[in-house]
Amino acid sequence: MSDETDNALLTRYRAGDQQAFADLVVRYQRALYNAALWIVRNAEDARDVTQEVFLKVAVRLEEYDARYKFFSWIYRIAVNESLNLLRRNGHVEALDEEDELPAGESANPEWQLGEAQKSGRIRQALMSLSANDRIVLMMRHFSELSYEEIASILELNEKTVKSRLHEARQRLRELLQDLRTN
């Protein structure tokens, strides 16, 4: 992947360089896929959303305002596409209850089983939250975005983002009370 800035890649793409767009896809597809997956809760749907985002970027690139971060613009498209898919599907989503064992050759089997159960329980609690709660938690803790970036993407002020994040954390804490006693 190139070290060029997003704006340099966009300039090259606008001039007809298809490789520049491919570089942008490589740079951002994982982050967009992960964002979509946390919202739609289905790997195939998340792949579809990610692909749709890049199609929209290619078609609507002239709508991008270079005064803002390119990543914030495409991330917002990914969030909107994910929420639109949820609306189209009527919010009917099954929870994935399979637990995966964490990697770690030195850990004993009892510890691995306990950690896998705890991880599955946390994932289940996260997925039971509303899409809005999952979005702010995912953006802050998994994508490691700043409050300012989240506010820009969600088109909210920073105080609202902080408030939503606080409330989402509280709801998650309530769902996971049983883990705190173990």
C-alpha atoms as a PDB file:
ATOM      1  CA  MET A   1       0.000   0.000   0.000  1.00  0.00           C
ATOM      2  CA  SER A   2       1.304   3.435  -0.828  1.00  0.00           C
ATOM      3  CA  ASP A   3       2.245   6.105   1.698  1.00  0.00           C
ATOM      4  CA  GLU A   4       0.483   8.789  -0.341  1.00  0.00           C
ATOM      5  CA  THR A   5      -2.131  10.911   1.358  1.00  0.00           C
ATOM      6  CA  ASP A   6      -5.773  10.274   0.605  1.00  0.00           C
ATOM      7  CA  ASN A   7      -6.019  13.558  -1.280  1.00  0.00           C
ATOM      8  CA  ALA A   8      -3.039  12.636  -3.483  1.00  0.00           C
ATOM      9  CA  LEU A   9      -4.647   9.293  -4.292  1.00  0.00           C
ATOM     10  CA  LEU A  10      -7.965  11.002  -5.030  1.00  0.00           C
ATOM     11  CA  THR A  11      -6.244  13.448  -7.363  1.00  0.00           C
ATOM     12  CA  ARG A  12      -4.578  10.565  -9.214  1.00  0.00           C
ATOM     13  CA  TYR A  13      -7.890   8.682  -9.419  1.00  0.00           C
ATOM     14  CA  ARG A  14      -9.725  11.713 -10.770  1.00  0.00           C
ATOM     15  CA  ALA A  15      -6.998  11.924 -13.447  1.00  0.00           C
ATOM     16  CA  GLY A  16      -7.837   8.367 -14.517  1.00  0.00           C
ATOM     17  CA  ASP A  17      -5.388   6.295 -12.443  1.00  0.00           C
ATOM     18  CA  GLN A  18      -7.377   3.196 -11.410  1.00  0.00           C
ATOM     19  CA  GLN A  19      -4.528   1.959  -9.200  1.00  0.00           C
ATOM     20  CA  ALA A  20      -5.021   4.994  -6.959  1.00  0.00           C
ATOM     21  CA  PHE A  21      -8.597   3.886  -6.259  1.00  0.00           C
ATOM     22  CA  ALA A  22      -7.386   0.329  -5.629  1.00  0.00           C
ATOM     23  CA  ASP A  23      -4.930   1.751  -3.085  1.00  0.00           C
ATOM     24  CA  LEU A  24      -7.796   3.513  -1.297  1.00  0.00           C
ATOM     25  CA  VAL A  25      -9.805   0.284  -1.249  1.00  0.00           C
ATOM     26  CA  VAL A  26      -6.883  -1.618   0.273  1.00  0.00           C
ATOM     27  CA  ARG A  27      -6.314   1.158   2.794  1.00  0.00           C
ATOM     28  CA  TYR A  28      -9.902   1.295   4.065  1.00  0.00           C
ATOM     29  CA  GLN A  29     -11.742  -1.926   3.266  1.00  0.00           C
ATOM     30  CA  ARG A  30     -10.925  -3.626   6.587  1.00  0.00           C
ATOM     31  CA  ALA A  31     -12.023  -0.658   8.713  1.00  0.00           C
ATOM     32  CA  LEU A  32     -15.253  -0.276   6.733  1.00  0.00           C
ATOM     33  CA  TYR A  33     -15.960  -4.014   6.827  1.00  0.00           C
ATOM     34  CA  ASN A  34     -15.442  -4.087  10.606  1.00  0.00           C
ATOM     35  CA  ALA A  35     -17.698  -1.081  11.075  1.00  0.00           C
ATOM     36  CA  ALA A  36     -20.418  -2.681   8.958  1.00  0.00           C
ATOM     37  CA  LEU A  37     -20.043  -6.026  10.728  1.00  0.00           C
ATOM     38  CA  TRP A  38     -20.597  -4.455  14.143  1.00  0.00           C
ATOM     39  CA  ILE A  39     -23.765  -2.833  12.872  1.00  0.00           C
ATOM     40  CA  VAL A  40     -25.343  -5.498  10.641  1.00  0.00           C
ATOM     41  CA  ARG A  41     -24.019  -8.513  12.595  1.00  0.00           C
ATOM     42  CA  ASN A  42     -23.581 -10.664   9.497  1.00  0.00           C
ATOM     43  CA  ALA A  43     -20.324 -11.231   7.597  1.00  0.00           C
ATOM     44  CA  GLU A  44     -21.932 -11.544   4.164  1.00  0.00           C
ATOM     45  CA  ASP A  45     -24.009  -8.404   4.668  1.00  0.00           C
ATOM     46  CA  ALA A  46     -20.916  -6.564   5.933  1.00  0.00           C
ATOM     47  CA  ARG A  47     -19.037  -7.551   2.749  1.00  0.00           C
ATOM     48  CA  ASP A  48     -21.962  -6.334   0.663  1.00  0.00           C
ATOM     49  CA  VAL A  49     -22.070  -3.041   2.551  1.00  0.00           C
ATOM     50  CA  THR A  50     -18.320  -2.549   2.110  1.00  0.00           C
ATOM     51  CA  GLN A  51     -18.572  -3.190  -1.613  1.00  0.00           C
ATOM     52  CA  GLU A  52     -21.528  -0.823  -1.890  1.00  0.00           C
ATOM     53  CA  VAL A  53     -19.561   1.891  -0.077  1.00  0.00           C
ATOM     54  CA  PHE A  54     -16.728   1.736  -2.602  1.00  0.00           C
ATOM     55  CA  LEU A  55     -19.192   1.739  -5.512  1.00  0.00           C
ATOM     56  CA  LYS A  56     -20.821   4.857  -4.073  1.00  0.00           C
ATOM     57  CA  VAL A  57     -17.431   6.485  -3.551  1.00  0.00           C
ATOM     58  CA  ALA A  58     -16.514   5.837  -7.181  1.00  0.00           C
ATOM     59  CA  VAL A  59     -19.816   7.256  -8.434  1.00  0.00           C
ATOM     60  CA  ARG A  60     -20.190  10.154  -5.986  1.00  0.00           C
ATOM     61  CA  LEU A  61     -16.572  11.232  -5.556  1.00  0.00           C
ATOM     62  CA  GLU A  62     -17.397  14.759  -6.707  1.00  0.00           C
ATOM     63  CA  GLU A  63     -19.590  15.139  -3.594  1.00  0.00           C
ATOM     64  CA  TYR A  64     -16.551  14.718  -1.338  1.00  0.00           C
ATOM     65  CA  ASP A  65     -15.421  17.980   0.262  1.00  0.00           C
ATOM     66  CA  ALA A  66     -11.616  17.916   0.585  1.00  0.00           C
ATOM     67  CA  ARG A  67     -11.767  20.258   3.591  1.00  0.00           C
ATOM     68  CA  TYR A  68     -12.754  17.189   5.622  1.00  0.00           C
ATOM     69  CA  LYS A  69     -11.060  13.848   6.150  1.00  0.00           C
ATOM     70  CA  PHE A  70     -11.761  11.349   3.372  1.00  0.00           C
ATOM     71  CA  PHE A  71     -11.956   8.547   5.939  1.00  0.00           C
ATOM     72  CA  SER A  72     -14.705  10.355   7.840  1.00  0.00           C
ATOM     73  CA  TRP A  73     -16.689  10.727   4.619  1.00  0.00           C
ATOM     74  CA  ILE A  74     -16.472   7.068   3.600  1.00  0.00           C
ATOM     75  CA  TYR A  75     -16.985   5.877   7.184  1.00  0.00           C
ATOM     76  CA  ARG A  76     -20.213   7.855   7.311  1.00  0.00           C
ATOM     77  CA  ILE A  77     -21.310   6.223   4.046  1.00  0.00           C
ATOM     78  CA  ALA A  78     -20.559   2.806   5.590  1.00  0.00           C
ATOM     79  CA  VAL A  79     -22.577   3.573   8.711  1.00  0.00           C
ATOM     80  CA  ASN A  80     -25.509   4.864   6.634  1.00  0.00           C
ATOM     81  CA  GLU A  81     -25.422   1.854   4.299  1.00  0.00           C
ATOM     82  CA  SER A  82     -25.337  -0.495   7.282  1.00  0.00           C
ATOM     83  CA  LEU A  83     -28.276   1.218   8.950  1.00  0.00           C
ATOM     84  CA  ASN A  84     -30.194   1.221   5.666  1.00  0.00           C
ATOM     85  CA  LEU A  85     -29.638  -2.529   5.352  1.00  0.00           C
ATOM     86  CA  LEU A  86     -30.941  -3.049   8.882  1.00  0.00           C
ATOM     87  CA  ARG A  87     -34.052  -1.021   8.037  1.00  0.00           C
ATOM     88  CA  ARG A  88     -34.613  -2.964   4.818  1.00  0.00           C
ATOM     89  CA  ASN A  89     -34.275  -6.234   6.719  1.00  0.00           C
ATOM     90  CA  GLY A  90     -36.655  -5.117   9.453  1.00  0.00           C
ATOM     91  CA  HIS A  91     -33.980  -5.397  12.164  1.00  0.00           C
ATOM     92  CA  VAL A  92     -34.329  -9.189  12.192  1.00  0.00           C
ATOM     93  CA  GLU A  93     -30.890 -10.466  13.110  1.00  0.00           C
ATOM     94  CA  ALA A  94     -29.803 -13.665  14.782  1.00  0.00           C
ATOM     95  CA  LEU A  95     -27.051 -13.626  17.357  1.00  0.00           C
ATOM     96  CA  ASP A  96     -23.958 -15.627  16.560  1.00  0.00           C
ATOM     97  CA  GLU A  97     -23.537 -17.814  19.617  1.00  0.00           C
ATOM     98  CA  GLU A  98     -20.382 -19.642  18.571  1.00  0.00           C
ATOM     99  CA  ASP A  99     -17.459 -18.979  20.853  1.00  0.00           C
ATOM    100  CA  GLU A 100     -13.953 -18.935  19.464  1.00  0.00           C
ATOM    101  CA  LEU A 101     -11.024 -19.911  21.654  1.00  0.00           C
ATOM    102  CA  PRO A 102      -8.401 -17.208  21.994  1.00  0.00           C
ATOM    103  CA  ALA A 103      -4.929 -17.978  20.706  1.00  0.00           C
ATOM    104  CA  GLY A 104      -2.351 -18.713  23.363  1.00  0.00           C
ATOM    105  CA  GLU A 105      -0.261 -21.832  23.543  1.00  0.00           C
ATOM    106  CA  SER A 106       0.826 -21.290  27.136  1.00  0.00           C
ATOM    107  CA  ALA A 107      -2.690 -20.994  28.584  1.00  0.00           C
ATOM    108  CA  ASN A 108      -4.282 -24.007  30.170  1.00  0.00           C
ATOM    109  CA  PRO A 109      -7.537 -25.448  28.762  1.00  0.00           C
ATOM    110  CA  GLU A 110      -9.674 -24.292  31.722  1.00  0.00           C
ATOM    111  CA  TRP A 111      -8.447 -20.717  31.332  1.00  0.00           C
ATOM    112  CA  GLN A 112      -9.019 -20.849  27.559  1.00  0.00           C
ATOM    113  CA  LEU A 113     -12.550 -22.139  28.055  1.00  0.00           C
ATOM    114  CA  GLY A 114     -13.305 -19.441  30.642  1.00  0.00           C
ATOM    115  CA  GLU A 115     -11.928 -16.707  28.390  1.00  0.00           C
ATOM    116  CA  ALA A 116     -13.856 -18.031  25.386  1.00  0.00           C
ATOM    117  CA  GLN A 117     -17.069 -18.067  27.381  1.00  0.00           C
ATOM    118  CA  LYS A 118     -16.407 -14.556  28.664  1.00  0.00           C
ATOM    119  CA  SER A 119     -15.605 -13.322  25.142  1.00  0.00           C
ATOM    120  CA  GLY A 120     -18.765 -14.887  23.767  1.00  0.00           C
ATOM    121  CA  ARG A 121     -20.794 -13.333  26.571  1.00  0.00           C
ATOM    122  CA  ILE A 122     -19.337  -9.873  25.859  1.00  0.00           C
ATOM    123  CA  ARG A 123     -19.975 -10.261  22.125  1.00  0.00           C
ATOM    124  CA  GLN A 124     -23.550 -11.370  22.810  1.00  0.00           C
ATOM    125  CA  ALA A 125     -24.117  -8.364  25.085  1.00  0.00           C
ATOM    126  CA  LEU A 126     -22.681  -5.976  22.487  1.00  0.00           C
ATOM    127  CA  MET A 127     -24.875  -7.438  19.779  1.00  0.00           C
ATOM    128  CA  SER A 128     -27.969  -7.115  21.946  1.00  0.00           C
ATOM    129  CA  LEU A 129     -27.457  -3.347  22.218  1.00  0.00           C
ATOM    130  CA  SER A 130     -29.199  -0.992  19.822  1.00  0.00           C
ATOM    131  CA  ALA A 131     -27.445  -0.144  16.566  1.00  0.00           C
ATOM    132  CA  ASN A 132     -26.792   3.392  17.847  1.00  0.00           C
ATOM    133  CA  ASP A 133     -25.076   2.069  20.974  1.00  0.00           C
ATOM    134  CA  ARG A 134     -23.002  -0.444  18.986  1.00  0.00           C
ATOM    135  CA  ILE A 135     -21.963   2.260  16.525  1.00  0.00           C
ATOM    136  CA  VAL A 136     -20.524   4.653  19.110  1.00  0.00           C
ATOM    137  CA  LEU A 137     -18.849   1.855  21.074  1.00  0.00           C
ATOM    138  CA  MET A 138     -17.375   0.342  17.926  1.00  0.00           C
ATOM    139  CA  MET A 139     -16.117   3.678  16.629  1.00  0.00           C
ATOM    140  CA  ARG A 140     -14.460   4.617  19.913  1.00  0.00           C
ATOM    141  CA  HIS A 141     -13.131   1.287  21.159  1.00  0.00           C
ATOM    142  CA  PHE A 142     -12.603  -0.860  18.073  1.00  0.00           C
ATOM    143  CA  SER A 143     -11.843   1.733  15.404  1.00  0.00           C
ATOM    144  CA  GLU A 144     -10.155   3.958  18.014  1.00  0.00           C
ATOM    145  CA  LEU A 145     -11.633   7.145  16.574  1.00  0.00           C
ATOM    146  CA  SER A 146     -11.465  10.395  18.517  1.00  0.00           C
ATOM    147  CA  TYR A 147     -14.600  12.091  19.810  1.00  0.00           C
ATOM    148  CA  GLU A 148     -14.080  14.732  17.143  1.00  0.00           C
ATOM    149  CA  GLU A 149     -13.906  12.127  14.365  1.00  0.00           C
ATOM    150  CA  ILE A 150     -16.996  10.327  15.648  1.00  0.00           C
ATOM    151  CA  ALA A 151     -18.865  13.629  15.858  1.00  0.00           C
ATOM    152  CA  SER A 152     -17.896  14.457  12.287  1.00  0.00           C
ATOM    153  CA  ILE A 153     -18.919  11.053  10.943  1.00  0.00           C
ATOM    154  CA  LEU A 154     -22.241  10.969  12.798  1.00  0.00           C
ATOM    155  CA  GLU A 155     -22.867  14.675  12.234  1.00  0.00           C
ATOM    156  CA  LEU A 156     -23.287  15.353  15.950  1.00  0.00           C
ATOM    157  CA  ASN A 157     -21.538  17.649  18.373  1.00  0.00           C
ATOM    158  CA  GLU A 158     -18.825  16.188  20.604  1.00  0.00           C
ATOM    159  CA  LYS A 159     -20.887  16.557  23.780  1.00  0.00           C
ATOM    160  CA  THR A 160     -23.634  14.439  22.257  1.00  0.00           C
ATOM    161  CA  VAL A 161     -21.097  11.791  21.220  1.00  0.00           C
ATOM    162  CA  LYS A 162     -19.649  11.699  24.751  1.00  0.00           C
ATOM    163  CA  SER A 163     -23.130  11.444  26.225  1.00  0.00           C
ATOM    164  CA  ARG A 164     -24.175   8.632  23.861  1.00  0.00           C
ATOM    165  CA  LEU A 165     -20.937   6.785  24.543  1.00  0.00           C
ATOM    166  CA  HIS A 166     -21.399   7.119  28.306  1.00  0.00           C
ATOM    167  CA  GLU A 167     -24.973   5.816  28.072  1.00  0.00           C
ATOM    168  CA  ALA A 168     -23.961   2.926  25.795  1.00  0.00           C
ATOM    169  CA  ARG A 169     -21.193   1.944  28.238  1.00  0.00           C
ATOM    170  CA  GLN A 170     -23.710   2.040  31.098  1.00  0.00           C
ATOM    171  CA  ARG A 171     -26.116  -0.228  29.224  1.00  0.00           C
ATOM    172  CA  LEU A 172     -23.287  -2.619  28.380  1.00  0.00           C
ATOM    173  CA  ARG A 173     -22.148  -2.644  32.035  1.00  0.00           C
ATOM    174  CA  GLU A 174     -25.683  -3.538  33.123  1.00  0.00           C
ATOM    175  CA  LEU A 175     -25.799  -6.408  30.651  1.00  0.00           C
ATOM    176  CA  LEU A 176     -22.447  -7.707  31.896  1.00  0.00           C
ATOM    177  CA  GLN A 177     -22.938  -7.338  35.663  1.00  0.00           C
ATOM    178  CA  ASP A 178     -22.569 -11.074  36.162  1.00  0.00           C
ATOM    179  CA  LEU A 179     -19.032 -11.005  34.699  1.00  0.00           C
ATOM    180  CA  ARG A 180     -17.851  -8.435  37.234  1.00  0.00           C
ATOM    181  CA  THR A 181     -18.465 -10.806  40.149  1.00  0.00           C
ATOM    182  CA  ASN A 182     -16.386 -13.601  38.584  1.00  0.00           C
END
